[in-house]
Each structure stands twice: as structure tokens, then as C-alpha cells.
PDB file of N, CA and C in Angstrom:
ATOM      1  N   UNK A   1     -16.564   6.875  29.391  1.00  0.00           N
ATOM      2  CA  UNK A   1     -15.285   6.277  29.045  1.00  0.00           C
ATOM      3  C   UNK A   1     -14.181   7.326  29.145  1.00  0.00           C
ATOM      4  N   UNK A   2     -13.089   6.975  29.780  1.00  0.00           N
ATOM      5  CA  UNK A   2     -11.970   7.899  29.945  1.00  0.00           C
ATOM      6  C   UNK A   2     -11.237   8.058  28.621  1.00  0.00           C
ATOM      7  N   UNK A   3     -10.699   9.245  28.410  1.00  0.00           N
ATOM      8  CA  UNK A   3      -9.928   9.508  27.183  1.00  0.00           C
ATOM      9  C   UNK A   3      -8.512   8.997  27.395  1.00  0.00           C
ATOM     10  N   UNK A   4      -8.105   8.075  26.533  1.00  0.00           N
ATOM     11  CA  UNK A   4      -6.781   7.455  26.617  1.00  0.00           C
ATOM     12  C   UNK A   4      -6.199   7.375  25.222  1.00  0.00           C
ATOM     13  N   UNK A   5      -4.931   7.666  25.103  1.00  0.00           N
ATOM     14  CA  UNK A   5      -4.227   7.500  23.836  1.00  0.00           C
ATOM     15  C   UNK A   5      -3.495   6.166  23.898  1.00  0.00           C
ATOM     16  N   UNK A   6      -3.993   5.198  23.139  1.00  0.00           N
ATOM     17  CA  UNK A   6      -3.436   3.853  23.131  1.00  0.00           C
ATOM     18  C   UNK A   6      -2.344   3.717  22.065  1.00  0.00           C
ATOM     19  N   UNK A   7      -1.259   3.075  22.430  1.00  0.00           N
ATOM     20  CA  UNK A   7      -0.178   2.745  21.509  1.00  0.00           C
ATOM     21  C   UNK A   7      -0.088   1.235  21.396  1.00  0.00           C
ATOM     22  N   UNK A   8       0.403   0.753  20.275  1.00  0.00           N
ATOM     23  CA  UNK A   8       0.734  -0.664  20.162  1.00  0.00           C
ATOM     24  C   UNK A   8       2.133  -0.860  20.720  1.00  0.00           C
ATOM     25  N   UNK A   9       2.330  -1.974  21.409  1.00  0.00           N
ATOM     26  CA  UNK A   9       3.646  -2.286  21.946  1.00  0.00           C
ATOM     27  C   UNK A   9       4.016  -3.708  21.518  1.00  0.00           C
ATOM     28  N   UNK A  10       5.176  -3.855  20.919  1.00  0.00           N
ATOM     29  CA  UNK A  10       5.646  -5.160  20.473  1.00  0.00           C
ATOM     30  C   UNK A  10       6.152  -5.952  21.675  1.00  0.00           C
ATOM     31  N   UNK A  11       5.632  -7.144  21.851  1.00  0.00           N
ATOM     32  CA  UNK A  11       6.065  -7.986  22.964  1.00  0.00           C
ATOM     33  C   UNK A  11       7.438  -8.614  22.694  1.00  0.00           C
ATOM     34  N   UNK A  12       7.857  -8.626  21.426  1.00  0.00           N
ATOM     35  CA  UNK A  12       9.149  -9.217  21.071  1.00  0.00           C
ATOM     36  C   UNK A  12      10.309  -8.243  21.276  1.00  0.00           C
ATOM     37  N   UNK A  13      10.148  -6.990  20.817  1.00  0.00           N
ATOM     38  CA  UNK A  13      11.272  -6.042  20.886  1.00  0.00           C
ATOM     39  C   UNK A  13      10.997  -4.809  21.741  1.00  0.00           C
ATOM     40  N   UNK A  14       9.739  -4.593  22.157  1.00  0.00           N
ATOM     41  CA  UNK A  14       9.422  -3.462  23.017  1.00  0.00           C
ATOM     42  C   UNK A  14       9.105  -2.165  22.295  1.00  0.00           C
ATOM     43  N   UNK A  15       9.221  -2.133  20.976  1.00  0.00           N
ATOM     44  CA  UNK A  15       8.943  -0.917  20.217  1.00  0.00           C
ATOM     45  C   UNK A  15       7.470  -0.544  20.345  1.00  0.00           C
ATOM     46  N   UNK A  16       7.205   0.752  20.411  1.00  0.00           N
ATOM     47  CA  UNK A  16       5.830   1.250  20.452  1.00  0.00           C
ATOM     48  C   UNK A  16       5.533   1.964  19.144  1.00  0.00           C
ATOM     49  N   UNK A  17       4.294   1.803  18.678  1.00  0.00           N
ATOM     50  CA  UNK A  17       3.906   2.410  17.400  1.00  0.00           C
ATOM     51  C   UNK A  17       2.464   2.888  17.452  1.00  0.00           C
ATOM     52  N   UNK A  18       2.174   3.853  16.612  1.00  0.00           N
ATOM     53  CA  UNK A  18       0.827   4.384  16.455  1.00  0.00           C
ATOM     54  C   UNK A  18       0.742   4.858  15.022  1.00  0.00           C
ATOM     55  N   UNK A  19      -0.159   4.511  14.360  1.00  0.00           N
ATOM     56  CA  UNK A  19      -1.449   3.889  14.455  1.00  0.00           C
ATOM     57  C   UNK A  19      -1.300   2.369  14.461  1.00  0.00           C
ATOM     58  N   UNK A  20      -2.340   1.633  14.855  1.00  0.00           N
ATOM     59  CA  UNK A  20      -2.251   0.172  14.916  1.00  0.00           C
ATOM     60  C   UNK A  20      -1.955  -0.461  13.556  1.00  0.00           C
ATOM     61  N   UNK A  21      -1.078  -1.449  13.573  1.00  0.00           N
ATOM     62  CA  UNK A  21      -0.687  -2.195  12.371  1.00  0.00           C
ATOM     63  C   UNK A  21      -0.672  -3.678  12.705  1.00  0.00           C
ATOM     64  N   UNK A  22      -0.676  -4.545  11.694  1.00  0.00           N
ATOM     65  CA  UNK A  22      -0.674  -5.981  11.975  1.00  0.00           C
ATOM     66  C   UNK A  22       0.688  -6.525  12.419  1.00  0.00           C
ATOM     67  N   UNK A  23       1.775  -5.794  12.098  1.00  0.00           N
ATOM     68  CA  UNK A  23       3.131  -6.237  12.441  1.00  0.00           C
ATOM     69  C   UNK A  23       3.913  -5.098  13.072  1.00  0.00           C
ATOM     70  N   UNK A  24       4.913  -5.446  13.878  1.00  0.00           N
ATOM     71  CA  UNK A  24       5.824  -4.456  14.452  1.00  0.00           C
ATOM     72  C   UNK A  24       6.677  -3.848  13.349  1.00  0.00           C
ATOM     73  N   UNK A  25       6.815  -2.538  13.345  1.00  0.00           N
ATOM     74  CA  UNK A  25       7.663  -1.871  12.357  1.00  0.00           C
ATOM     75  C   UNK A  25       9.145  -2.085  12.635  1.00  0.00           C
ATOM     76  N   UNK A  26       9.484  -2.473  13.856  1.00  0.00           N
ATOM     77  CA  UNK A  26      10.878  -2.671  14.209  1.00  0.00           C
ATOM     78  C   UNK A  26      11.407  -4.045  13.864  1.00  0.00           C
ATOM     79  N   UNK A  27      10.653  -5.091  14.238  1.00  0.00           N
ATOM     80  CA  UNK A  27      11.172  -6.452  14.055  1.00  0.00           C
ATOM     81  C   UNK A  27      10.267  -7.349  13.220  1.00  0.00           C
ATOM     82  N   UNK A  28       9.080  -6.871  12.866  1.00  0.00           N
ATOM     83  CA  UNK A  28       8.176  -7.658  12.035  1.00  0.00           C
ATOM     84  C   UNK A  28       7.322  -8.658  12.788  1.00  0.00           C
ATOM     85  N   UNK A  29       7.416  -8.675  14.095  1.00  0.00           N
ATOM     86  CA  UNK A  29       6.643  -9.630  14.891  1.00  0.00           C
ATOM     87  C   UNK A  29       5.155  -9.284  14.872  1.00  0.00           C
ATOM     88  N   UNK A  30       4.292 -10.304  14.824  1.00  0.00           N
ATOM     89  CA  UNK A  30       2.860 -10.070  14.937  1.00  0.00           C
ATOM     90  C   UNK A  30       2.383 -10.063  16.390  1.00  0.00           C
ATOM     91  N   UNK A  31       3.296 -10.272  17.342  1.00  0.00           N
ATOM     92  CA  UNK A  31       2.946 -10.360  18.759  1.00  0.00           C
ATOM     93  C   UNK A  31       2.867  -8.956  19.361  1.00  0.00           C
ATOM     94  N   UNK A  32       1.704  -8.315  19.219  1.00  0.00           N
ATOM     95  CA  UNK A  32       1.519  -6.925  19.627  1.00  0.00           C
ATOM     96  C   UNK A  32       0.478  -6.813  20.734  1.00  0.00           C
ATOM     97  N   UNK A  33       0.756  -5.970  21.687  1.00  0.00           N
ATOM     98  CA  UNK A  33      -0.186  -5.644  22.747  1.00  0.00           C
ATOM     99  C   UNK A  33      -0.465  -4.158  22.701  1.00  0.00           C
ATOM    100  N   UNK A  34      -1.001  -3.614  23.766  1.00  0.00           N
ATOM    101  CA  UNK A  34      -1.260  -2.178  23.807  1.00  0.00           C
ATOM    102  C   UNK A  34      -0.826  -1.608  25.144  1.00  0.00           C
ATOM    103  N   UNK A  35      -0.564  -0.318  25.128  1.00  0.00           N
ATOM    104  CA  UNK A  35      -0.221   0.413  26.340  1.00  0.00           C
ATOM    105  C   UNK A  35      -0.728   1.836  26.177  1.00  0.00           C
ATOM    106  N   UNK A  36      -0.841   2.532  27.271  1.00  0.00           N
ATOM    107  CA  UNK A  36      -1.313   3.909  27.242  1.00  0.00           C
ATOM    108  C   UNK A  36      -0.124   4.857  27.136  1.00  0.00           C
ATOM    109  N   UNK A  37      -0.241   5.855  26.265  1.00  0.00           N
ATOM    110  CA  UNK A  37       0.801   6.879  26.144  1.00  0.00           C
ATOM    111  C   UNK A  37       0.830   7.723  27.417  1.00  0.00           C
ATOM    112  N   UNK A  38       2.029   8.094  27.842  1.00  0.00           N
ATOM    113  CA  UNK A  38       2.183   8.941  29.023  1.00  0.00           C
ATOM    114  C   UNK A  38       1.653  10.353  28.782  1.00  0.00           C
ATOM    115  N   UNK A  39       1.725  10.816  27.524  1.00  0.00           N
ATOM    116  CA  UNK A  39       1.157  12.121  27.189  1.00  0.00           C
ATOM    117  C   UNK A  39       2.148  13.232  26.937  1.00  0.00           C
ATOM    118  N   UNK A  40       3.435  12.973  27.099  1.00  0.00           N
ATOM    119  CA  UNK A  40       4.437  13.992  26.832  1.00  0.00           C
ATOM    120  C   UNK A  40       5.025  13.829  25.447  1.00  0.00           C
ATOM    121  N   UNK A  41       5.538  14.925  24.910  1.00  0.00           N
ATOM    122  CA  UNK A  41       6.169  14.867  23.607  1.00  0.00           C
ATOM    123  C   UNK A  41       6.819  16.185  23.245  1.00  0.00           C
ATOM    124  N   UNK A  42       7.281  16.281  22.010  1.00  0.00           N
ATOM    125  CA  UNK A  42       7.878  17.517  21.521  1.00  0.00           C
ATOM    126  C   UNK A  42       7.445  17.750  20.078  1.00  0.00           C
ATOM    127  N   UNK A  43       7.400  19.015  19.697  1.00  0.00           N
ATOM    128  CA  UNK A  43       6.967  19.414  18.365  1.00  0.00           C
ATOM    129  C   UNK A  43       8.093  19.158  17.376  1.00  0.00           C
ATOM    130  N   UNK A  44       7.827  18.334  16.343  1.00  0.00           N
ATOM    131  CA  UNK A  44       8.783  18.114  15.255  1.00  0.00           C
ATOM    132  C   UNK A  44       8.732  19.272  14.273  1.00  0.00           C
ATOM    133  N   UNK A  45       7.526  19.583  13.810  1.00  0.00           N
ATOM    134  CA  UNK A  45       7.300  20.670  12.865  1.00  0.00           C
ATOM    135  C   UNK A  45       5.839  21.090  12.972  1.00  0.00           C
ATOM    136  N   UNK A  46       5.499  22.266  12.465  1.00  0.00           N
ATOM    137  CA  UNK A  46       4.127  22.755  12.570  1.00  0.00           C
ATOM    138  C   UNK A  46       3.851  23.780  11.478  1.00  0.00           C
ATOM    139  N   UNK A  47       2.569  24.044  11.262  1.00  0.00           N
ATOM    140  CA  UNK A  47       2.151  25.096  10.349  1.00  0.00           C
ATOM    141  C   UNK A  47       0.889  25.746  10.897  1.00  0.00           C
ATOM    142  N   UNK A  48       0.734  27.021  10.666  1.00  0.00           N
ATOM    143  CA  UNK A  48      -0.460  27.746  11.077  1.00  0.00           C
ATOM    144  C   UNK A  48      -1.394  27.848   9.874  1.00  0.00           C
ATOM    145  N   UNK A  49      -2.619  27.353  10.041  1.00  0.00           N
ATOM    146  CA  UNK A  49      -3.608  27.319   8.967  1.00  0.00           C
ATOM    147  C   UNK A  49      -4.481  28.560   9.065  1.00  0.00           C
ATOM    148  N   UNK A  50      -4.596  29.280   7.938  1.00  0.00           N
ATOM    149  CA  UNK A  50      -5.397  30.512   7.911  1.00  0.00           C
ATOM    150  C   UNK A  50      -6.665  30.375   7.084  1.00  0.00           C
ATOM    151  N   UNK A  51      -6.813  29.252   6.396  1.00  0.00           N
ATOM    152  CA  UNK A  51      -8.009  29.021   5.577  1.00  0.00           C
ATOM    153  C   UNK A  51      -8.586  27.666   5.949  1.00  0.00           C
ATOM    154  N   UNK A  52      -9.688  27.684   6.668  1.00  0.00           N
ATOM    155  CA  UNK A  52     -10.272  26.453   7.195  1.00  0.00           C
ATOM    156  C   UNK A  52     -10.934  25.638   6.095  1.00  0.00           C
ATOM    157  N   UNK A  53     -10.864  24.289   6.184  1.00  0.00           N
ATOM    158  CA  UNK A  53     -11.508  23.436   5.191  1.00  0.00           C
ATOM    159  C   UNK A  53     -13.030  23.375   5.351  1.00  0.00           C
ATOM    160  N   UNK A  54     -13.533  23.737   6.551  1.00  0.00           N
ATOM    161  CA  UNK A  54     -14.982  23.745   6.781  1.00  0.00           C
ATOM    162  C   UNK A  54     -15.301  24.721   7.902  1.00  0.00           C
ATOM    163  N   UNK A  55     -16.577  24.933   8.111  1.00  0.00           N
ATOM    164  CA  UNK A  55     -17.015  25.873   9.147  1.00  0.00           C
ATOM    165  C   UNK A  55     -16.749  25.344  10.560  1.00  0.00           C
ATOM    166  N   UNK A  56     -16.409  24.059  10.691  1.00  0.00           N
ATOM    167  CA  UNK A  56     -16.123  23.480  12.005  1.00  0.00           C
ATOM    168  C   UNK A  56     -14.815  23.982  12.598  1.00  0.00           C
ATOM    169  N   UNK A  57     -13.951  24.532  11.767  1.00  0.00           N
ATOM    170  CA  UNK A  57     -12.643  25.013  12.215  1.00  0.00           C
ATOM    171  C   UNK A  57     -12.594  26.532  12.089  1.00  0.00           C
ATOM    172  N   UNK A  58     -12.168  27.181  13.156  1.00  0.00           N
ATOM    173  CA  UNK A  58     -12.032  28.632  13.147  1.00  0.00           C
ATOM    174  C   UNK A  58     -10.555  28.992  12.984  1.00  0.00           C
ATOM    175  N   UNK A  59     -10.166  29.515  11.816  1.00  0.00           N
ATOM    176  CA  UNK A  59      -8.757  29.881  11.647  1.00  0.00           C
ATOM    177  C   UNK A  59      -8.428  31.136  12.443  1.00  0.00           C
ATOM    178  N   UNK A  60      -7.180  31.351  12.755  1.00  0.00           N
ATOM    179  CA  UNK A  60      -6.063  30.451  12.501  1.00  0.00           C
ATOM    180  C   UNK A  60      -5.986  29.340  13.559  1.00  0.00           C
ATOM    181  N   UNK A  61      -5.463  28.194  13.154  1.00  0.00           N
ATOM    182  CA  UNK A  61      -5.185  27.102  14.075  1.00  0.00           C
ATOM    183  C   UNK A  61      -3.877  26.451  13.639  1.00  0.00           C
ATOM    184  N   UNK A  62      -3.291  25.658  14.532  1.00  0.00           N
ATOM    185  CA  UNK A  62      -1.959  25.111  14.292  1.00  0.00           C
ATOM    186  C   UNK A  62      -2.033  23.590  14.187  1.00  0.00           C
ATOM    187  N   UNK A  63      -1.497  23.057  13.087  1.00  0.00           N
ATOM    188  CA  UNK A  63      -1.358  21.619  12.865  1.00  0.00           C
ATOM    189  C   UNK A  63       0.127  21.277  13.035  1.00  0.00           C
ATOM    190  N   UNK A  64       0.412  20.155  13.699  1.00  0.00           N
ATOM    191  CA  UNK A  64       1.813  19.819  13.987  1.00  0.00           C
ATOM    192  C   UNK A  64       2.049  18.322  13.958  1.00  0.00           C
ATOM    193  N   UNK A  65       3.319  17.968  13.770  1.00  0.00           N
ATOM    194  CA  UNK A  65       3.794  16.610  14.020  1.00  0.00           C
ATOM    195  C   UNK A  65       4.398  16.631  15.417  1.00  0.00           C
ATOM    196  N   UNK A  66       3.851  15.785  16.294  1.00  0.00           N
ATOM    197  CA  UNK A  66       4.359  15.687  17.663  1.00  0.00           C
ATOM    198  C   UNK A  66       4.968  14.307  17.854  1.00  0.00           C
ATOM    199  N   UNK A  67       6.226  14.285  18.290  1.00  0.00           N
ATOM    200  CA  UNK A  67       6.896  13.019  18.596  1.00  0.00           C
ATOM    201  C   UNK A  67       6.677  12.730  20.074  1.00  0.00           C
ATOM    202  N   UNK A  68       5.943  11.646  20.340  1.00  0.00           N
ATOM    203  CA  UNK A  68       5.692  11.240  21.715  1.00  0.00           C
ATOM    204  C   UNK A  68       6.986  10.786  22.376  1.00  0.00           C
ATOM    205  N   UNK A  69       7.050  10.891  23.683  1.00  0.00           N
ATOM    206  CA  UNK A  69       8.235  10.423  24.416  1.00  0.00           C
ATOM    207  C   UNK A  69       8.480   8.939  24.180  1.00  0.00           C
ATOM    208  N   UNK A  70       7.415   8.189  23.881  1.00  0.00           N
ATOM    209  CA  UNK A  70       7.540   6.757  23.617  1.00  0.00           C
ATOM    210  C   UNK A  70       8.062   6.450  22.210  1.00  0.00           C
ATOM    211  N   UNK A  71       8.135   7.469  21.331  1.00  0.00           N
ATOM    212  CA  UNK A  71       8.693   7.270  20.000  1.00  0.00           C
ATOM    213  C   UNK A  71       7.779   7.561  18.826  1.00  0.00           C
ATOM    214  N   UNK A  72       6.496   7.130  18.849  1.00  0.00           N
ATOM    215  CA  UNK A  72       5.632   7.385  17.693  1.00  0.00           C
ATOM    216  C   UNK A  72       5.419   8.876  17.428  1.00  0.00           C
ATOM    217  N   UNK A  73       5.109   9.176  16.162  1.00  0.00           N
ATOM    218  CA  UNK A  73       4.833  10.548  15.742  1.00  0.00           C
ATOM    219  C   UNK A  73       3.358  10.653  15.386  1.00  0.00           C
ATOM    220  N   UNK A  74       2.693  11.707  15.877  1.00  0.00           N
ATOM    221  CA  UNK A  74       1.281  11.942  15.591  1.00  0.00           C
ATOM    222  C   UNK A  74       1.122  13.235  14.805  1.00  0.00           C
ATOM    223  N   UNK A  75       0.244  13.230  13.823  1.00  0.00           N
ATOM    224  CA  UNK A  75      -0.190  14.451  13.170  1.00  0.00           C
ATOM    225  C   UNK A  75      -1.382  14.927  13.978  1.00  0.00           C
ATOM    226  N   UNK A  76      -1.306  16.133  14.535  1.00  0.00           N
ATOM    227  CA  UNK A  76      -2.283  16.563  15.511  1.00  0.00           C
ATOM    228  C   UNK A  76      -2.446  18.076  15.477  1.00  0.00           C
ATOM    229  N   UNK A  77      -3.190  18.583  16.400  1.00  0.00           N
ATOM    230  CA  UNK A  77      -3.425  20.021  16.519  1.00  0.00           C
ATOM    231  C   UNK A  77      -2.784  20.524  17.807  1.00  0.00           C
ATOM    232  N   UNK A  78      -2.199  21.716  17.746  1.00  0.00           N
ATOM    233  CA  UNK A  78      -1.672  22.382  18.930  1.00  0.00           C
ATOM    234  C   UNK A  78      -2.705  23.409  19.382  1.00  0.00           C
ATOM    235  N   UNK A  79      -2.992  23.422  20.671  1.00  0.00           N
ATOM    236  CA  UNK A  79      -3.988  24.349  21.210  1.00  0.00           C
ATOM    237  C   UNK A  79      -3.342  25.233  22.266  1.00  0.00           C
ATOM    238  N   UNK A  80      -3.938  26.384  22.489  1.00  0.00           N
ATOM    239  CA  UNK A  80      -3.415  27.320  23.466  1.00  0.00           C
ATOM    240  C   UNK A  80      -2.633  28.427  22.789  1.00  0.00           C
ATOM    241  N   UNK A  81      -2.160  29.359  23.598  1.00  0.00           N
ATOM    242  CA  UNK A  81      -1.473  30.520  23.028  1.00  0.00           C
ATOM    243  C   UNK A  81      -0.115  30.182  22.431  1.00  0.00           C
ATOM    244  N   UNK A  82       0.221  30.817  21.331  1.00  0.00           N
ATOM    245  CA  UNK A  82       1.539  30.717  20.715  1.00  0.00           C
ATOM    246  C   UNK A  82       2.424  31.792  21.305  1.00  0.00           C
ATOM    247  N   UNK A  83       3.544  32.036  20.697  1.00  0.00           N
ATOM    248  CA  UNK A  83       4.059  31.410  19.486  1.00  0.00           C
ATOM    249  C   UNK A  83       4.583  30.014  19.788  1.00  0.00           C
ATOM    250  N   UNK A  84       4.661  29.198  18.728  1.00  0.00           N
ATOM    251  CA  UNK A  84       5.132  27.824  18.822  1.00  0.00           C
ATOM    252  C   UNK A  84       6.538  27.735  18.250  1.00  0.00           C
ATOM    253  N   UNK A  85       7.258  26.693  18.651  1.00  0.00           N
ATOM    254  CA  UNK A  85       8.617  26.478  18.152  1.00  0.00           C
ATOM    255  C   UNK A  85       8.881  24.980  18.023  1.00  0.00           C
ATOM    256  N   UNK A  86       9.716  24.612  17.068  1.00  0.00           N
ATOM    257  CA  UNK A  86      10.135  23.219  16.940  1.00  0.00           C
ATOM    258  C   UNK A  86      10.917  22.824  18.193  1.00  0.00           C
ATOM    259  N   UNK A  87      10.814  21.581  18.592  1.00  0.00           N
ATOM    260  CA  UNK A  87      11.442  21.015  19.785  1.00  0.00           C
ATOM    261  C   UNK A  87      10.795  21.483  21.086  1.00  0.00           C
ATOM    262  N   UNK A  88       9.706  22.235  21.008  1.00  0.00           N
ATOM    263  CA  UNK A  88       9.003  22.683  22.212  1.00  0.00           C
ATOM    264  C   UNK A  88       8.309  21.496  22.877  1.00  0.00           C
ATOM    265  N   UNK A  89       8.376  21.432  24.191  1.00  0.00           N
ATOM    266  CA  UNK A  89       7.724  20.366  24.952  1.00  0.00           C
ATOM    267  C   UNK A  89       6.224  20.632  25.024  1.00  0.00           C
ATOM    268  N   UNK A  90       5.440  19.563  24.796  1.00  0.00           N
ATOM    269  CA  UNK A  90       3.983  19.639  24.839  1.00  0.00           C
ATOM    270  C   UNK A  90       3.433  18.452  25.618  1.00  0.00           C
ATOM    271  N   UNK A  91       2.170  18.581  26.030  1.00  0.00           N
ATOM    272  CA  UNK A  91       1.502  17.491  26.741  1.00  0.00           C
ATOM    273  C   UNK A  91       0.126  17.261  26.138  1.00  0.00           C
ATOM    274  N   UNK A  92      -0.321  16.040  26.256  1.00  0.00           N
ATOM    275  CA  UNK A  92      -1.588  15.601  25.697  1.00  0.00           C
ATOM    276  C   UNK A  92      -2.769  16.200  26.447  1.00  0.00           C
ATOM    277  N   UNK A  93      -3.760  16.639  25.686  1.00  0.00           N
ATOM    278  CA  UNK A  93      -5.057  17.033  26.229  1.00  0.00           C
ATOM    279  C   UNK A  93      -6.090  16.592  25.188  1.00  0.00           C
ATOM    280  N   UNK A  94      -7.338  16.885  25.419  1.00  0.00           N
ATOM    281  CA  UNK A  94      -8.399  16.408  24.524  1.00  0.00           C
ATOM    282  C   UNK A  94      -9.285  17.562  24.087  1.00  0.00           C
ATOM    283  N   UNK A  95      -9.693  17.539  22.820  1.00  0.00           N
ATOM    284  CA  UNK A  95     -10.585  18.544  22.244  1.00  0.00           C
ATOM    285  C   UNK A  95     -11.630  17.799  21.421  1.00  0.00           C
ATOM    286  N   UNK A  96     -12.877  17.885  21.823  1.00  0.00           N
ATOM    287  CA  UNK A  96     -13.983  17.230  21.144  1.00  0.00           C
ATOM    288  C   UNK A  96     -13.692  15.753  20.868  1.00  0.00           C
ATOM    289  N   UNK A  97     -13.103  15.084  21.868  1.00  0.00           N
ATOM    290  CA  UNK A  97     -12.805  13.658  21.755  1.00  0.00           C
ATOM    291  C   UNK A  97     -11.561  13.317  20.974  1.00  0.00           C
ATOM    292  N   UNK A  98     -10.820  14.316  20.500  1.00  0.00           N
ATOM    293  CA  UNK A  98      -9.597  14.081  19.730  1.00  0.00           C
ATOM    294  C   UNK A  98      -8.359  14.449  20.545  1.00  0.00           C
ATOM    295  N   UNK A  99      -7.260  13.691  20.378  1.00  0.00           N
ATOM    296  CA  UNK A  99      -6.036  14.046  21.086  1.00  0.00           C
ATOM    297  C   UNK A  99      -5.391  15.278  20.452  1.00  0.00           C
ATOM    298  N   UNK A 100      -5.132  16.277  21.265  1.00  0.00           N
ATOM    299  CA  UNK A 100      -4.422  17.490  20.847  1.00  0.00           C
ATOM    300  C   UNK A 100      -3.341  17.767  21.886  1.00  0.00           C
ATOM    301  N   UNK A 101      -2.482  18.727  21.604  1.00  0.00           N
ATOM    302  CA  UNK A 101      -1.379  19.004  22.524  1.00  0.00           C
ATOM    303  C   UNK A 101      -1.307  20.474  22.867  1.00  0.00           C
ATOM    304  N   UNK A 102      -0.871  20.754  24.100  1.00  0.00           N
ATOM    305  CA  UNK A 102      -0.687  22.119  24.579  1.00  0.00           C
ATOM    306  C   UNK A 102       0.710  22.227  25.174  1.00  0.00           C
ATOM    307  N   UNK A 103       1.165  23.461  25.397  1.00  0.00           N
ATOM    308  CA  UNK A 103       2.496  23.652  25.996  1.00  0.00           C
ATOM    309  C   UNK A 103       2.532  23.070  27.398  1.00  0.00           C
ATOM    310  N   UNK A 104       3.688  22.517  27.767  1.00  0.00           N
ATOM    311  CA  UNK A 104       3.856  21.966  29.123  1.00  0.00           C
ATOM    312  C   UNK A 104       3.882  23.082  30.136  1.00  0.00           C
TER     313      UNK A 104
END
């Protein structure tokens, strides 16, 4: 199965949202479909974690809010070399089946 980041798309107003909900956050319509995210976005904010919650994570690593070009915001991980900055352009990639972002 190909790795795809699916967004909900409102058929009434066109708004896209993530994570899936029963109603559109923009207009309240229940008429929702899905579309694939293009994969581009920008960093809203981030933090570097130095104390891992489990042995599965090797610190330091970076957790960030990424605003997709389509509008939704994801809490995710930034991968690749830093330093990182707010408003930096990033693109979608995959790590162990999870969506993460790297510098464009």
C-alpha cells in the first residue's frame, strides 16, 4: 500500500481538514469526501526534545506544528539536519509508516 496523507474535503464549501471529523469545521456540512495532501507546508512552531519518553526515540529529535499548504495543521516530527526555523518550508516524507517532514 502506498503511503498517502489523506485530508477530508467538504463538498459544500471546499475546506480541507485533518483529522477526520463528522462535520466540516467551516460550514458544518456533513457532506465530506477525501483528497490526498500535496505534501508541502511550513513550520508554525517547534521544539527540540532532549529526554525521550521511551527507548524507541533517540534524543534529540524535533516535534513541530506544520501547516499544510491546504490549510490543516499537523503535530508531527521534523527529520534531517537542523537548525530549524519558524515559517521554514518543509515537505512530507515517511518514517516507520508515520508522516514526518523534512526541509524542501
